[in-house]
PDB file of N, CA and C in Angstrom:
ATOM      1  N   UNK A   1      40.628  34.470  92.746  1.00  0.00           N
ATOM      2  CA  UNK A   1      40.356  35.174  93.913  1.00  0.00           C
ATOM      3  C   UNK A   1      39.238  33.951  94.417  1.00  0.00           C
ATOM      4  N   UNK A   2      39.103  33.277  95.249  1.00  0.00           N
ATOM      5  CA  UNK A   2      38.190  32.839  95.808  1.00  0.00           C
ATOM      6  C   UNK A   2      36.657  33.537  96.404  1.00  0.00           C
ATOM      7  N   UNK A   3      35.650  32.901  95.795  1.00  0.00           N
ATOM      8  CA  UNK A   3      34.272  33.545  96.373  1.00  0.00           C
ATOM      9  C   UNK A   3      34.282  33.432  97.705  1.00  0.00           C
ATOM     10  N   UNK A   4      33.517  34.375  98.474  1.00  0.00           N
ATOM     11  CA  UNK A   4      33.579  34.316  99.952  1.00  0.00           C
ATOM     12  C   UNK A   4      32.209  33.511 100.395  1.00  0.00           C
ATOM     13  N   UNK A   5      32.106  32.612 100.782  1.00  0.00           N
ATOM     14  CA  UNK A   5      30.930  31.770 101.624  1.00  0.00           C
ATOM     15  C   UNK A   5      30.339  32.599 102.991  1.00  0.00           C
ATOM     16  N   UNK A   6      29.025  33.054 102.798  1.00  0.00           N
ATOM     17  CA  UNK A   6      28.805  33.462 104.070  1.00  0.00           C
ATOM     18  C   UNK A   6      28.347  32.239 105.547  1.00  0.00           C
ATOM     19  N   UNK A   7      28.922  32.842 106.418  1.00  0.00           N
ATOM     20  CA  UNK A   7      29.142  31.628 107.792  1.00  0.00           C
ATOM     21  C   UNK A   7      27.969  32.050 108.864  1.00  0.00           C
ATOM     22  N   UNK A   8      27.982  33.173 109.106  1.00  0.00           N
ATOM     23  CA  UNK A   8      26.987  34.185 110.172  1.00  0.00           C
ATOM     24  C   UNK A   8      26.707  35.279 109.789  1.00  0.00           C
ATOM     25  N   UNK A   9      25.624  35.328 110.912  1.00  0.00           N
ATOM     26  CA  UNK A   9      25.150  36.970 110.594  1.00  0.00           C
ATOM     27  C   UNK A   9      24.873  37.129 112.004  1.00  0.00           C
ATOM     28  N   UNK A  10      25.202  38.458 112.637  1.00  0.00           N
ATOM     29  CA  UNK A  10      24.868  38.827 113.424  1.00  0.00           C
ATOM     30  C   UNK A  10      23.572  39.444 113.593  1.00  0.00           C
ATOM     31  N   UNK A  11      22.916  39.718 114.315  1.00  0.00           N
ATOM     32  CA  UNK A  11      21.505  40.386 114.500  1.00  0.00           C
ATOM     33  C   UNK A  11      21.252  41.083 115.806  1.00  0.00           C
ATOM     34  N   UNK A  12      21.842  42.222 115.866  1.00  0.00           N
ATOM     35  CA  UNK A  12      21.457  42.925 117.210  1.00  0.00           C
ATOM     36  C   UNK A  12      20.351  43.300 117.693  1.00  0.00           C
ATOM     37  N   UNK A  13      19.807  43.192 119.068  1.00  0.00           N
ATOM     38  CA  UNK A  13      18.612  43.773 119.447  1.00  0.00           C
ATOM     39  C   UNK A  13      18.331  44.303 120.913  1.00  0.00           C
ATOM     40  N   UNK A  14      17.250  44.656 120.876  1.00  0.00           N
ATOM     41  CA  UNK A  14      17.521  44.968 122.505  1.00  0.00           C
ATOM     42  C   UNK A  14      16.636  44.196 123.278  1.00  0.00           C
ATOM     43  N   UNK A  15      16.351  42.925 123.117  1.00  0.00           N
ATOM     44  CA  UNK A  15      15.923  42.143 123.744  1.00  0.00           C
ATOM     45  C   UNK A  15      15.911  40.463 122.708  1.00  0.00           C
ATOM     46  N   UNK A  16      17.543  40.129 123.597  1.00  0.00           N
ATOM     47  CA  UNK A  16      17.834  39.014 123.320  1.00  0.00           C
ATOM     48  C   UNK A  16      17.377  37.662 123.057  1.00  0.00           C
ATOM     49  N   UNK A  17      17.017  37.846 124.478  1.00  0.00           N
ATOM     50  CA  UNK A  17      16.314  36.444 124.700  1.00  0.00           C
ATOM     51  C   UNK A  17      15.275  36.245 123.802  1.00  0.00           C
ATOM     52  N   UNK A  18      14.326  36.920 124.352  1.00  0.00           N
ATOM     53  CA  UNK A  18      12.724  36.970 123.240  1.00  0.00           C
ATOM     54  C   UNK A  18      12.911  37.043 121.811  1.00  0.00           C
ATOM     55  N   UNK A  19      14.367  37.553 121.211  1.00  0.00           N
ATOM     56  CA  UNK A  19      14.253  37.307 119.889  1.00  0.00           C
ATOM     57  C   UNK A  19      14.764  36.167 119.858  1.00  0.00           C
ATOM     58  N   UNK A  20      15.701  35.529 120.637  1.00  0.00           N
ATOM     59  CA  UNK A  20      16.291  34.013 120.002  1.00  0.00           C
ATOM     60  C   UNK A  20      15.059  33.019 120.481  1.00  0.00           C
ATOM     61  N   UNK A  21      14.471  32.829 120.962  1.00  0.00           N
ATOM     62  CA  UNK A  21      12.968  32.392 121.355  1.00  0.00           C
ATOM     63  C   UNK A  21      12.298  31.732 120.393  1.00  0.00           C
ATOM     64  N   UNK A  22      12.126  33.336 119.682  1.00  0.00           N
ATOM     65  CA  UNK A  22      11.215  33.555 119.103  1.00  0.00           C
ATOM     66  C   UNK A  22      11.871  32.760 117.300  1.00  0.00           C
ATOM     67  N   UNK A  23      13.174  33.074 117.343  1.00  0.00           N
ATOM     68  CA  UNK A  23      13.846  32.729 116.132  1.00  0.00           C
ATOM     69  C   UNK A  23      13.797  31.179 116.173  1.00  0.00           C
ATOM     70  N   UNK A  24      14.141  30.419 117.536  1.00  0.00           N
ATOM     71  CA  UNK A  24      14.290  28.926 117.743  1.00  0.00           C
ATOM     72  C   UNK A  24      12.804  28.461 117.291  1.00  0.00           C
ATOM     73  N   UNK A  25      11.961  28.717 117.859  1.00  0.00           N
ATOM     74  CA  UNK A  25      10.410  28.428 117.627  1.00  0.00           C
ATOM     75  C   UNK A  25      10.205  28.368 116.023  1.00  0.00           C
ATOM     76  N   UNK A  26      10.265  29.396 115.520  1.00  0.00           N
ATOM     77  CA  UNK A  26       9.964  29.721 113.688  1.00  0.00           C
ATOM     78  C   UNK A  26      10.726  28.612 113.020  1.00  0.00           C
ATOM     79  N   UNK A  27      11.979  29.021 113.058  1.00  0.00           N
ATOM     80  CA  UNK A  27      13.537  28.561 112.335  1.00  0.00           C
ATOM     81  C   UNK A  27      14.008  27.781 112.644  1.00  0.00           C
ATOM     82  N   UNK A  28      13.982  27.305 113.741  1.00  0.00           N
ATOM     83  CA  UNK A  28      15.090  26.103 114.478  1.00  0.00           C
ATOM     84  C   UNK A  28      14.573  25.242 115.653  1.00  0.00           C
ATOM     85  N   UNK A  29      12.988  24.647 115.473  1.00  0.00           N
ATOM     86  CA  UNK A  29      12.957  24.121 116.915  1.00  0.00           C
ATOM     87  C   UNK A  29      13.624  22.660 117.257  1.00  0.00           C
ATOM     88  N   UNK A  30      14.545  22.186 116.724  1.00  0.00           N
ATOM     89  CA  UNK A  30      15.449  21.301 117.154  1.00  0.00           C
ATOM     90  C   UNK A  30      16.730  21.789 117.805  1.00  0.00           C
ATOM     91  N   UNK A  31      16.960  23.440 117.681  1.00  0.00           N
ATOM     92  CA  UNK A  31      17.872  23.615 118.080  1.00  0.00           C
ATOM     93  C   UNK A  31      18.169  23.722 120.095  1.00  0.00           C
ATOM     94  N   UNK A  32      19.167  23.540 120.603  1.00  0.00           N
ATOM     95  CA  UNK A  32      19.333  23.394 121.941  1.00  0.00           C
ATOM     96  C   UNK A  32      20.695  24.092 122.392  1.00  0.00           C
ATOM     97  N   UNK A  33      20.698  24.506 123.511  1.00  0.00           N
ATOM     98  CA  UNK A  33      21.772  25.060 124.097  1.00  0.00           C
ATOM     99  C   UNK A  33      21.830  26.531 123.687  1.00  0.00           C
ATOM    100  N   UNK A  34      22.643  26.756 124.319  1.00  0.00           N
ATOM    101  CA  UNK A  34      22.935  28.679 124.120  1.00  0.00           C
ATOM    102  C   UNK A  34      23.859  28.693 122.750  1.00  0.00           C
ATOM    103  N   UNK A  35      24.095  30.327 122.541  1.00  0.00           N
ATOM    104  CA  UNK A  35      25.320  30.639 121.391  1.00  0.00           C
ATOM    105  C   UNK A  35      24.464  30.233 119.835  1.00  0.00           C
ATOM    106  N   UNK A  36      24.918  30.415 118.817  1.00  0.00           N
ATOM    107  CA  UNK A  36      24.574  30.560 117.497  1.00  0.00           C
ATOM    108  C   UNK A  36      23.479  29.627 117.388  1.00  0.00           C
ATOM    109  N   UNK A  37      22.616  30.363 116.609  1.00  0.00           N
ATOM    110  CA  UNK A  37      21.467  29.257 116.047  1.00  0.00           C
ATOM    111  C   UNK A  37      21.714  28.524 114.638  1.00  0.00           C
ATOM    112  N   UNK A  38      22.121  27.386 114.939  1.00  0.00           N
ATOM    113  CA  UNK A  38      22.811  26.804 113.736  1.00  0.00           C
ATOM    114  C   UNK A  38      21.216  26.613 112.245  1.00  0.00           C
ATOM    115  N   UNK A  39      21.195  27.569 111.361  1.00  0.00           N
ATOM    116  CA  UNK A  39      20.150  27.400 110.551  1.00  0.00           C
ATOM    117  C   UNK A  39      20.898  26.822 109.006  1.00  0.00           C
ATOM    118  N   UNK A  40      20.721  25.184 109.436  1.00  0.00           N
ATOM    119  CA  UNK A  40      21.462  24.328 108.485  1.00  0.00           C
ATOM    120  C   UNK A  40      22.946  25.041 107.997  1.00  0.00           C
ATOM    121  N   UNK A  41      23.722  24.951 108.725  1.00  0.00           N
ATOM    122  CA  UNK A  41      25.637  25.599 108.447  1.00  0.00           C
ATOM    123  C   UNK A  41      25.389  26.735 108.581  1.00  0.00           C
ATOM    124  N   UNK A  42      24.254  27.782 108.493  1.00  0.00           N
ATOM    125  CA  UNK A  42      24.547  29.235 108.377  1.00  0.00           C
ATOM    126  C   UNK A  42      24.514  29.702 109.742  1.00  0.00           C
ATOM    127  N   UNK A  43      25.309  30.205 110.388  1.00  0.00           N
ATOM    128  CA  UNK A  43      24.581  30.545 111.963  1.00  0.00           C
ATOM    129  C   UNK A  43      24.410  31.840 112.140  1.00  0.00           C
ATOM    130  N   UNK A  44      23.117  32.070 113.082  1.00  0.00           N
ATOM    131  CA  UNK A  44      22.646  33.478 113.035  1.00  0.00           C
ATOM    132  C   UNK A  44      23.072  33.570 114.781  1.00  0.00           C
ATOM    133  N   UNK A  45      23.541  34.877 115.044  1.00  0.00           N
ATOM    134  CA  UNK A  45      23.942  35.208 116.461  1.00  0.00           C
ATOM    135  C   UNK A  45      23.261  36.421 116.614  1.00  0.00           C
ATOM    136  N   UNK A  46      22.395  35.847 117.811  1.00  0.00           N
ATOM    137  CA  UNK A  46      21.758  37.254 118.751  1.00  0.00           C
ATOM    138  C   UNK A  46      22.433  37.905 119.555  1.00  0.00           C
ATOM    139  N   UNK A  47      22.084  38.947 119.497  1.00  0.00           N
ATOM    140  CA  UNK A  47      23.229  39.758 120.363  1.00  0.00           C
ATOM    141  C   UNK A  47      22.308  41.386 121.184  1.00  0.00           C
ATOM    142  N   UNK A  48      22.559  41.324 122.678  1.00  0.00           N
ATOM    143  CA  UNK A  48      22.223  42.401 123.112  1.00  0.00           C
ATOM    144  C   UNK A  48      22.814  43.886 122.774  1.00  0.00           C
ATOM    145  N   UNK A  49      22.304  44.318 122.206  1.00  0.00           N
ATOM    146  CA  UNK A  49      22.738  46.011 121.711  1.00  0.00           C
ATOM    147  C   UNK A  49      21.973  46.942 122.588  1.00  0.00           C
ATOM    148  N   UNK A  50      22.363  48.451 122.432  1.00  0.00           N
ATOM    149  CA  UNK A  50      22.261  49.765 123.353  1.00  0.00           C
ATOM    150  C   UNK A  50      22.338  50.390 122.313  1.00  0.00           C
ATOM    151  N   UNK A  51      23.038  50.347 120.506  1.00  0.00           N
ATOM    152  CA  UNK A  51      23.048  50.738 119.904  1.00  0.00           C
ATOM    153  C   UNK A  51      21.902  50.838 118.901  1.00  0.00           C
ATOM    154  N   UNK A  52      20.858  50.033 118.843  1.00  0.00           N
ATOM    155  CA  UNK A  52      19.777  50.052 118.013  1.00  0.00           C
ATOM    156  C   UNK A  52      18.483  50.325 118.719  1.00  0.00           C
ATOM    157  N   UNK A  53      17.704  50.389 117.677  1.00  0.00           N
ATOM    158  CA  UNK A  53      16.229  50.501 118.284  1.00  0.00           C
ATOM    159  C   UNK A  53      15.352  49.491 118.678  1.00  0.00           C
ATOM    160  N   UNK A  54      14.528  49.307 119.078  1.00  0.00           N
ATOM    161  CA  UNK A  54      13.576  47.965 119.661  1.00  0.00           C
ATOM    162  C   UNK A  54      12.902  47.728 118.073  1.00  0.00           C
ATOM    163  N   UNK A  55      12.887  48.419 117.403  1.00  0.00           N
ATOM    164  CA  UNK A  55      12.121  48.364 116.355  1.00  0.00           C
ATOM    165  C   UNK A  55      12.819  48.819 114.809  1.00  0.00           C
ATOM    166  N   UNK A  56      13.249  47.876 114.108  1.00  0.00           N
ATOM    167  CA  UNK A  56      13.490  48.197 112.556  1.00  0.00           C
ATOM    168  C   UNK A  56      12.844  48.856 111.995  1.00  0.00           C
ATOM    169  N   UNK A  57      12.865  50.060 111.696  1.00  0.00           N
ATOM    170  CA  UNK A  57      12.311  51.175 111.022  1.00  0.00           C
ATOM    171  C   UNK A  57      12.727  51.081 109.302  1.00  0.00           C
ATOM    172  N   UNK A  58      13.607  50.061 108.964  1.00  0.00           N
ATOM    173  CA  UNK A  58      13.912  50.466 107.684  1.00  0.00           C
ATOM    174  C   UNK A  58      13.789  48.589 107.043  1.00  0.00           C
ATOM    175  N   UNK A  59      12.806  47.855 107.195  1.00  0.00           N
ATOM    176  CA  UNK A  59      13.130  46.560 107.401  1.00  0.00           C
ATOM    177  C   UNK A  59      13.598  45.570 106.186  1.00  0.00           C
ATOM    178  N   UNK A  60      12.988  46.595 104.574  1.00  0.00           N
ATOM    179  CA  UNK A  60      13.111  46.148 103.551  1.00  0.00           C
ATOM    180  C   UNK A  60      14.748  46.253 102.921  1.00  0.00           C
ATOM    181  N   UNK A  61      15.694  46.838 103.929  1.00  0.00           N
ATOM    182  CA  UNK A  61      17.071  47.024 103.231  1.00  0.00           C
ATOM    183  C   UNK A  61      17.872  45.639 102.870  1.00  0.00           C
ATOM    184  N   UNK A  62      17.402  44.487 103.713  1.00  0.00           N
ATOM    185  CA  UNK A  62      18.076  43.367 104.054  1.00  0.00           C
ATOM    186  C   UNK A  62      16.898  42.198 104.330  1.00  0.00           C
ATOM    187  N   UNK A  63      16.975  41.569 103.526  1.00  0.00           N
ATOM    188  CA  UNK A  63      16.013  40.415 103.971  1.00  0.00           C
ATOM    189  C   UNK A  63      16.774  38.844 103.603  1.00  0.00           C
ATOM    190  N   UNK A  64      16.213  38.491 104.836  1.00  0.00           N
ATOM    191  CA  UNK A  64      17.192  37.051 104.628  1.00  0.00           C
ATOM    192  C   UNK A  64      15.983  36.002 104.055  1.00  0.00           C
ATOM    193  N   UNK A  65      16.502  35.283 103.013  1.00  0.00           N
ATOM    194  CA  UNK A  65      15.778  34.188 102.264  1.00  0.00           C
ATOM    195  C   UNK A  65      16.088  32.873 102.663  1.00  0.00           C
ATOM    196  N   UNK A  66      14.960  32.043 102.922  1.00  0.00           N
ATOM    197  CA  UNK A  66      15.392  30.599 103.291  1.00  0.00           C
ATOM    198  C   UNK A  66      14.350  29.863 101.931  1.00  0.00           C
ATOM    199  N   UNK A  67      15.169  29.108 101.410  1.00  0.00           N
ATOM    200  CA  UNK A  67      14.450  27.976 100.229  1.00  0.00           C
ATOM    201  C   UNK A  67      14.036  27.010 100.526  1.00  0.00           C
ATOM    202  N   UNK A  68      12.278  26.470 100.688  1.00  0.00           N
ATOM    203  CA  UNK A  68      11.894  25.671 101.326  1.00  0.00           C
ATOM    204  C   UNK A  68      11.274  24.650 100.115  1.00  0.00           C
ATOM    205  N   UNK A  69      10.595  23.560 100.452  1.00  0.00           N
ATOM    206  CA  UNK A  69      10.608  21.997  99.389  1.00  0.00           C
ATOM    207  C   UNK A  69       8.848  22.444  99.585  1.00  0.00           C
ATOM    208  N   UNK A  70       8.656  22.806 100.395  1.00  0.00           N
ATOM    209  CA  UNK A  70       7.189  22.805 100.700  1.00  0.00           C
ATOM    210  C   UNK A  70       6.599  24.304 101.426  1.00  0.00           C
ATOM    211  N   UNK A  71       6.239  24.886 100.991  1.00  0.00           N
ATOM    212  CA  UNK A  71       5.512  26.106 101.480  1.00  0.00           C
ATOM    213  C   UNK A  71       4.491  26.274 102.306  1.00  0.00           C
ATOM    214  N   UNK A  72       3.266  25.477 102.078  1.00  0.00           N
ATOM    215  CA  UNK A  72       2.381  25.555 103.552  1.00  0.00           C
ATOM    216  C   UNK A  72       2.747  25.138 104.635  1.00  0.00           C
ATOM    217  N   UNK A  73       3.547  23.740 104.701  1.00  0.00           N
ATOM    218  CA  UNK A  73       4.442  23.612 106.173  1.00  0.00           C
ATOM    219  C   UNK A  73       5.042  24.362 106.607  1.00  0.00           C
ATOM    220  N   UNK A  74       5.898  24.839 105.912  1.00  0.00           N
ATOM    221  CA  UNK A  74       6.919  26.090 106.504  1.00  0.00           C
ATOM    222  C   UNK A  74       5.815  27.297 106.952  1.00  0.00           C
ATOM    223  N   UNK A  75       4.746  27.575 106.147  1.00  0.00           N
ATOM    224  CA  UNK A  75       4.326  28.604 106.250  1.00  0.00           C
ATOM    225  C   UNK A  75       3.155  28.660 107.695  1.00  0.00           C
ATOM    226  N   UNK A  76       2.447  27.311 108.036  1.00  0.00           N
ATOM    227  CA  UNK A  76       2.067  26.968 109.151  1.00  0.00           C
ATOM    228  C   UNK A  76       2.867  26.851 110.389  1.00  0.00           C
ATOM    229  N   UNK A  77       4.341  26.645 110.116  1.00  0.00           N
ATOM    230  CA  UNK A  77       5.021  26.402 111.699  1.00  0.00           C
ATOM    231  C   UNK A  77       5.135  27.956 111.691  1.00  0.00           C
ATOM    232  N   UNK A  78       5.781  28.998 110.914  1.00  0.00           N
ATOM    233  CA  UNK A  78       5.576  30.314 111.258  1.00  0.00           C
ATOM    234  C   UNK A  78       4.483  30.762 111.819  1.00  0.00           C
ATOM    235  N   UNK A  79       3.062  30.658 111.374  1.00  0.00           N
ATOM    236  CA  UNK A  79       2.119  30.824 111.992  1.00  0.00           C
ATOM    237  C   UNK A  79       1.957  30.752 113.523  1.00  0.00           C
ATOM    238  N   UNK A  80       2.426  29.444 113.415  1.00  0.00           N
ATOM    239  CA  UNK A  80       2.416  29.081 115.102  1.00  0.00           C
ATOM    240  C   UNK A  80       3.096  29.692 115.769  1.00  0.00           C
ATOM    241  N   UNK A  81       4.340  30.318 115.320  1.00  0.00           N
ATOM    242  CA  UNK A  81       5.249  30.906 115.881  1.00  0.00           C
ATOM    243  C   UNK A  81       5.220  32.291 116.088  1.00  0.00           C
ATOM    244  N   UNK A  82       4.042  32.944 115.648  1.00  0.00           N
ATOM    245  CA  UNK A  82       3.549  34.286 115.652  1.00  0.00           C
ATOM    246  C   UNK A  82       3.776  34.990 114.516  1.00  0.00           C
ATOM    247  N   UNK A  83       4.586  34.491 113.316  1.00  0.00           N
ATOM    248  CA  UNK A  83       4.984  35.451 112.313  1.00  0.00           C
ATOM    249  C   UNK A  83       4.146  36.519 111.978  1.00  0.00           C
ATOM    250  N   UNK A  84       4.491  38.012 111.674  1.00  0.00           N
ATOM    251  CA  UNK A  84       3.659  38.788 110.685  1.00  0.00           C
ATOM    252  C   UNK A  84       4.028  38.741 109.854  1.00  0.00           C
ATOM    253  N   UNK A  85       3.134  38.182 108.771  1.00  0.00           N
ATOM    254  CA  UNK A  85       2.873  38.220 107.553  1.00  0.00           C
ATOM    255  C   UNK A  85       3.042  39.819 106.635  1.00  0.00           C
ATOM    256  N   UNK A  86       3.944  39.689 106.108  1.00  0.00           N
ATOM    257  CA  UNK A  86       3.696  41.127 105.074  1.00  0.00           C
ATOM    258  C   UNK A  86       3.347  40.843 103.706  1.00  0.00           C
ATOM    259  N   UNK A  87       3.600  39.568 103.209  1.00  0.00           N
ATOM    260  CA  UNK A  87       2.974  39.430 101.795  1.00  0.00           C
ATOM    261  C   UNK A  87       3.215  38.068 101.724  1.00  0.00           C
ATOM    262  N   UNK A  88       2.202  37.484 100.422  1.00  0.00           N
ATOM    263  CA  UNK A  88       2.359  35.891 100.188  1.00  0.00           C
ATOM    264  C   UNK A  88       1.916  36.118  98.852  1.00  0.00           C
ATOM    265  N   UNK A  89       2.859  35.790  97.622  1.00  0.00           N
ATOM    266  CA  UNK A  89       2.434  36.084  96.502  1.00  0.00           C
ATOM    267  C   UNK A  89       3.187  34.334  95.672  1.00  0.00           C
ATOM    268  N   UNK A  90       2.258  34.440  94.711  1.00  0.00           N
ATOM    269  CA  UNK A  90       2.431  33.297  93.583  1.00  0.00           C
ATOM    270  C   UNK A  90       3.073  33.870  92.373  1.00  0.00           C
ATOM    271  N   UNK A  91       3.995  33.854  91.917  1.00  0.00           N
ATOM    272  CA  UNK A  91       5.141  34.760  90.759  1.00  0.00           C
ATOM    273  C   UNK A  91       5.669  33.747  89.909  1.00  0.00           C
ATOM    274  N   UNK A  92       6.290  34.246  88.699  1.00  0.00           N
ATOM    275  CA  UNK A  92       6.516  33.049  87.797  1.00  0.00           C
ATOM    276  C   UNK A  92       7.409  32.035  87.975  1.00  0.00           C
ATOM    277  N   UNK A  93       8.170  32.307  88.995  1.00  0.00           N
ATOM    278  CA  UNK A  93       9.457  31.549  89.587  1.00  0.00           C
ATOM    279  C   UNK A  93       9.106  30.983  90.799  1.00  0.00           C
ATOM    280  N   UNK A  94       8.395  31.284  91.514  1.00  0.00           N
ATOM    281  CA  UNK A  94       7.712  30.264  92.614  1.00  0.00           C
ATOM    282  C   UNK A  94       6.894  31.413  93.379  1.00  0.00           C
ATOM    283  N   UNK A  95       6.806  30.870  94.953  1.00  0.00           N
ATOM    284  CA  UNK A  95       5.755  30.922  95.681  1.00  0.00           C
ATOM    285  C   UNK A  95       6.783  31.795  97.154  1.00  0.00           C
ATOM    286  N   UNK A  96       6.764  33.442  97.135  1.00  0.00           N
ATOM    287  CA  UNK A  96       7.086  33.897  98.128  1.00  0.00           C
ATOM    288  C   UNK A  96       6.404  34.861  99.137  1.00  0.00           C
ATOM    289  N   UNK A  97       7.118  34.109 100.417  1.00  0.00           N
ATOM    290  CA  UNK A  97       6.165  34.558 101.245  1.00  0.00           C
ATOM    291  C   UNK A  97       7.505  35.277 102.291  1.00  0.00           C
ATOM    292  N   UNK A  98       6.602  36.612 102.358  1.00  0.00           N
ATOM    293  CA  UNK A  98       7.558  37.767 103.557  1.00  0.00           C
ATOM    294  C   UNK A  98       6.879  38.138 104.842  1.00  0.00           C
ATOM    295  N   UNK A  99       7.725  37.688 106.142  1.00  0.00           N
ATOM    296  CA  UNK A  99       7.289  38.127 107.212  1.00  0.00           C
ATOM    297  C   UNK A  99       8.078  38.716 108.048  1.00  0.00           C
ATOM    298  N   UNK A 100       7.885  39.041 109.080  1.00  0.00           N
ATOM    299  CA  UNK A 100       8.739  40.212 110.029  1.00  0.00           C
ATOM    300  C   UNK A 100       8.721  38.943 111.492  1.00  0.00           C
ATOM    301  N   UNK A 101       9.898  39.250 112.108  1.00  0.00           N
ATOM    302  CA  UNK A 101      10.558  38.882 112.953  1.00  0.00           C
ATOM    303  C   UNK A 101       9.956  40.092 114.329  1.00  0.00           C
ATOM    304  N   UNK A 102       9.865  39.944 115.342  1.00  0.00           N
ATOM    305  CA  UNK A 102       9.402  40.625 116.699  1.00  0.00           C
ATOM    306  C   UNK A 102       9.780  41.962 116.442  1.00  0.00           C
ATOM    307  N   UNK A 103      11.330  42.317 116.344  1.00  0.00           N
ATOM    308  CA  UNK A 103      11.800  43.468 116.259  1.00  0.00           C
ATOM    309  C   UNK A 103      11.336  43.970 114.882  1.00  0.00           C
ATOM    310  N   UNK A 104      10.846  43.639 113.871  1.00  0.00           N
ATOM    311  CA  UNK A 104      10.270  43.902 112.739  1.00  0.00           C
ATOM    312  C   UNK A 104      11.326  44.006 111.623  1.00  0.00           C
ATOM    313  N   UNK A 105      12.510  43.050 111.363  1.00  0.00           N
ATOM    314  CA  UNK A 105      13.350  42.532 110.656  1.00  0.00           C
ATOM    315  C   UNK A 105      12.709  41.593 109.382  1.00  0.00           C
ATOM    316  N   UNK A 106      12.674  42.109 107.966  1.00  0.00           N
ATOM    317  CA  UNK A 106      12.047  40.982 107.175  1.00  0.00           C
ATOM    318  C   UNK A 106      12.801  39.369 106.857  1.00  0.00           C
ATOM    319  N   UNK A 107      12.041  38.522 106.758  1.00  0.00           N
ATOM    320  CA  UNK A 107      12.567  37.324 106.653  1.00  0.00           C
ATOM    321  C   UNK A 107      11.540  36.995 105.325  1.00  0.00           C
ATOM    322  N   UNK A 108      12.285  36.093 104.517  1.00  0.00           N
ATOM    323  CA  UNK A 108      11.600  35.247 103.504  1.00  0.00           C
ATOM    324  C   UNK A 108      11.533  34.189 102.994  1.00  0.00           C
ATOM    325  N   UNK A 109      10.714  33.415 102.798  1.00  0.00           N
ATOM    326  CA  UNK A 109      10.607  31.739 102.258  1.00  0.00           C
ATOM    327  C   UNK A 109      10.163  31.584 101.075  1.00  0.00           C
ATOM    328  N   UNK A 110      10.854  31.248 100.177  1.00  0.00           N
ATOM    329  CA  UNK A 110      10.677  31.092  99.047  1.00  0.00           C
ATOM    330  C   UNK A 110      10.491  29.534  98.048  1.00  0.00           C
ATOM    331  N   UNK A 111       9.221  28.952  97.899  1.00  0.00           N
ATOM    332  CA  UNK A 111       9.334  27.691  96.955  1.00  0.00           C
ATOM    333  C   UNK A 111       9.977  27.992  95.257  1.00  0.00           C
ATOM    334  N   UNK A 112      10.647  27.697  94.739  1.00  0.00           N
ATOM    335  CA  UNK A 112      10.964  27.820  93.310  1.00  0.00           C
ATOM    336  C   UNK A 112       9.823  27.029  92.656  1.00  0.00           C
ATOM    337  N   UNK A 113       9.373  27.350  91.834  1.00  0.00           N
ATOM    338  CA  UNK A 113       8.547  26.178  90.666  1.00  0.00           C
ATOM    339  C   UNK A 113      10.010  25.611  90.384  1.00  0.00           C
ATOM    340  N   UNK A 114       9.695  24.210  89.485  1.00  0.00           N
ATOM    341  CA  UNK A 114      10.655  22.915  89.335  1.00  0.00           C
ATOM    342  C   UNK A 114      11.584  23.754  88.314  1.00  0.00           C
ATOM    343  N   UNK A 115      10.691  24.656  87.381  1.00  0.00           N
ATOM    344  CA  UNK A 115      11.006  24.817  85.991  1.00  0.00           C
ATOM    345  C   UNK A 115      11.897  25.893  86.030  1.00  0.00           C
ATOM    346  N   UNK A 116      11.978  26.447  87.124  1.00  0.00           N
ATOM    347  CA  UNK A 116      12.386  28.208  87.691  1.00  0.00           C
ATOM    348  C   UNK A 116      14.175  27.745  87.217  1.00  0.00           C
TER     349      UNK A 116
END
């Protein structure tokens, strides 16, 4: 059986326009148009929902990771977008930065060490 490949993620929110604008500014500034946000071939679909709370009360339950080549450059871009940093840590295998979107969902950037 073939391993499934993730293609997209649905992110439900009470404020889709605001969250979509934040994700474009923080993660995909070259994104244009409506619809899904292309994150390097993985699509992020942001949908207005009335069955979710305005703020995620359990943000550590699922964390979307982004592997980056230059942590400092991406950290500066996220700072400019107003990312709320939860932690930035140097670990044995690399540098990890956990941040939250405006709804409180956790995301993470990771710059792996070359020998990891």
